Amino acid sequence: MASYRLEIKRSGAREIETLPTKKERRLVVDRITGLADETRPPGSEKLADDERYRVRQGPYRIVYEIDDAARVASIIKVGHRRDVYRT
């Protein structure tokens, strides 16, 4: 199975950069990288709106959209679980 292309929105990239430790950033980036091969890994959940999903990495949540036709996974938001779903 061919992998998906990953796109990280500018806001998502900023949120990754603001994570408190280098280890947490590395773990989140590794989890995002894994989405290229498996866009709906075990533990991922479809969110109520559109084609958005979320996957957990420790206390952080990665919210992303999947475009199966174009084979693109777009990272929308990365943040702590207490903050990530607030608009």
Protein backbone atom coordinates (compact mmCIF):
# COMPACT_ATOMS: atom_id res chain seq x y z
CA MET A 1 0.00 0.00 0.00
CA ALA A 2 1.37 3.39 -1.00
CA SER A 3 1.85 5.91 1.76
CA TYR A 4 0.12 9.24 2.17
CA ARG A 5 1.77 12.61 1.77
CA LEU A 6 1.86 14.61 5.00
CA GLU A 7 1.08 18.31 5.19
CA ILE A 8 1.47 20.25 8.40
CA LYS A 9 -0.42 23.53 8.54
CA ARG A 10 1.63 26.49 9.74
CA SER A 11 -0.35 26.68 12.99
CA GLY A 12 0.31 22.98 13.64
CA ALA A 13 4.04 23.45 13.09
CA ARG A 14 4.06 26.35 15.56
CA GLU A 15 2.22 24.24 18.12
CA ILE A 16 4.80 21.46 17.77
CA GLU A 17 7.63 23.95 18.29
CA THR A 18 6.04 25.19 21.53
CA LEU A 19 5.91 21.75 23.18
CA PRO A 20 7.85 21.91 26.46
CA THR A 21 10.62 19.35 25.88
CA LYS A 22 12.65 18.03 22.99
CA LYS A 23 11.58 14.47 23.89
CA GLU A 24 7.87 15.39 23.65
CA ARG A 25 8.46 17.10 20.30
CA ARG A 26 10.29 14.03 18.99
CA LEU A 27 7.51 11.68 20.12
CA VAL A 28 4.82 13.83 18.49
CA VAL A 29 6.79 14.14 15.24
CA ASP A 30 7.37 10.36 15.21
CA ARG A 31 3.61 9.80 15.66
CA ILE A 32 2.84 12.24 12.82
CA THR A 33 5.40 10.53 10.57
CA GLY A 34 3.68 7.21 11.24
CA LEU A 35 0.44 8.64 9.84
CA ALA A 36 2.00 8.58 6.36
CA ASP A 37 1.91 4.78 6.38
CA GLU A 38 -1.25 4.26 8.40
CA THR A 39 -3.69 7.18 8.42
CA ARG A 40 -6.15 5.43 10.72
CA PRO A 41 -3.93 3.65 13.25
CA PRO A 42 -5.33 1.74 16.24
CA GLY A 43 -6.52 4.25 18.80
CA SER A 44 -7.36 6.97 16.29
CA GLU A 45 -10.88 8.37 16.50
CA LYS A 46 -13.02 10.13 13.94
CA LEU A 47 -14.20 13.48 15.23
CA ALA A 48 -17.77 14.66 14.75
CA ASP A 49 -17.07 17.20 12.01
CA ASP A 50 -16.04 16.46 8.42
CA GLU A 51 -13.16 14.07 7.87
CA ARG A 52 -11.15 15.01 10.95
CA TYR A 53 -9.46 12.44 13.13
CA ARG A 54 -7.40 12.56 16.26
CA VAL A 55 -4.61 10.40 17.55
CA ARG A 56 -3.05 10.46 21.02
CA GLN A 57 0.59 10.79 21.96
CA GLY A 58 0.88 10.91 25.73
CA PRO A 59 -1.02 13.95 27.00
CA TYR A 60 -1.03 15.49 23.51
CA ARG A 61 -3.57 15.17 20.72
CA ILE A 62 -2.87 15.42 17.01
CA VAL A 63 -5.91 16.49 14.98
CA TYR A 64 -5.72 15.82 11.25
CA GLU A 65 -7.77 15.52 8.07
CA ILE A 66 -7.53 12.74 5.50
CA ASP A 67 -8.11 13.18 1.78
CA ASP A 68 -8.17 9.61 0.48
CA ALA A 69 -8.61 10.66 -3.16
CA ALA A 70 -5.45 12.81 -3.13
CA ARG A 71 -3.71 10.55 -0.57
CA VAL A 72 -2.91 13.47 1.73
CA ALA A 73 -3.03 13.67 5.52
CA SER A 74 -3.08 17.28 6.80
CA ILE A 75 -2.10 18.00 10.37
CA ILE A 76 -4.49 20.67 11.64
CA LYS A 77 -3.73 21.06 15.32
CA VAL A 78 -1.36 19.70 17.97
CA GLY A 79 -1.86 20.42 21.63
CA HIS A 80 -2.39 19.26 25.17
CA ARG A 81 -5.57 17.26 25.65
CA ARG A 82 -7.12 19.94 27.87
CA ASP A 83 -6.72 22.62 25.17
CA VAL A 84 -6.75 21.00 21.74
CA TYR A 85 -10.51 20.85 21.17
CA ARG A 86 -11.19 24.48 22.14
CA THR A 87 -11.67 26.89 19.28
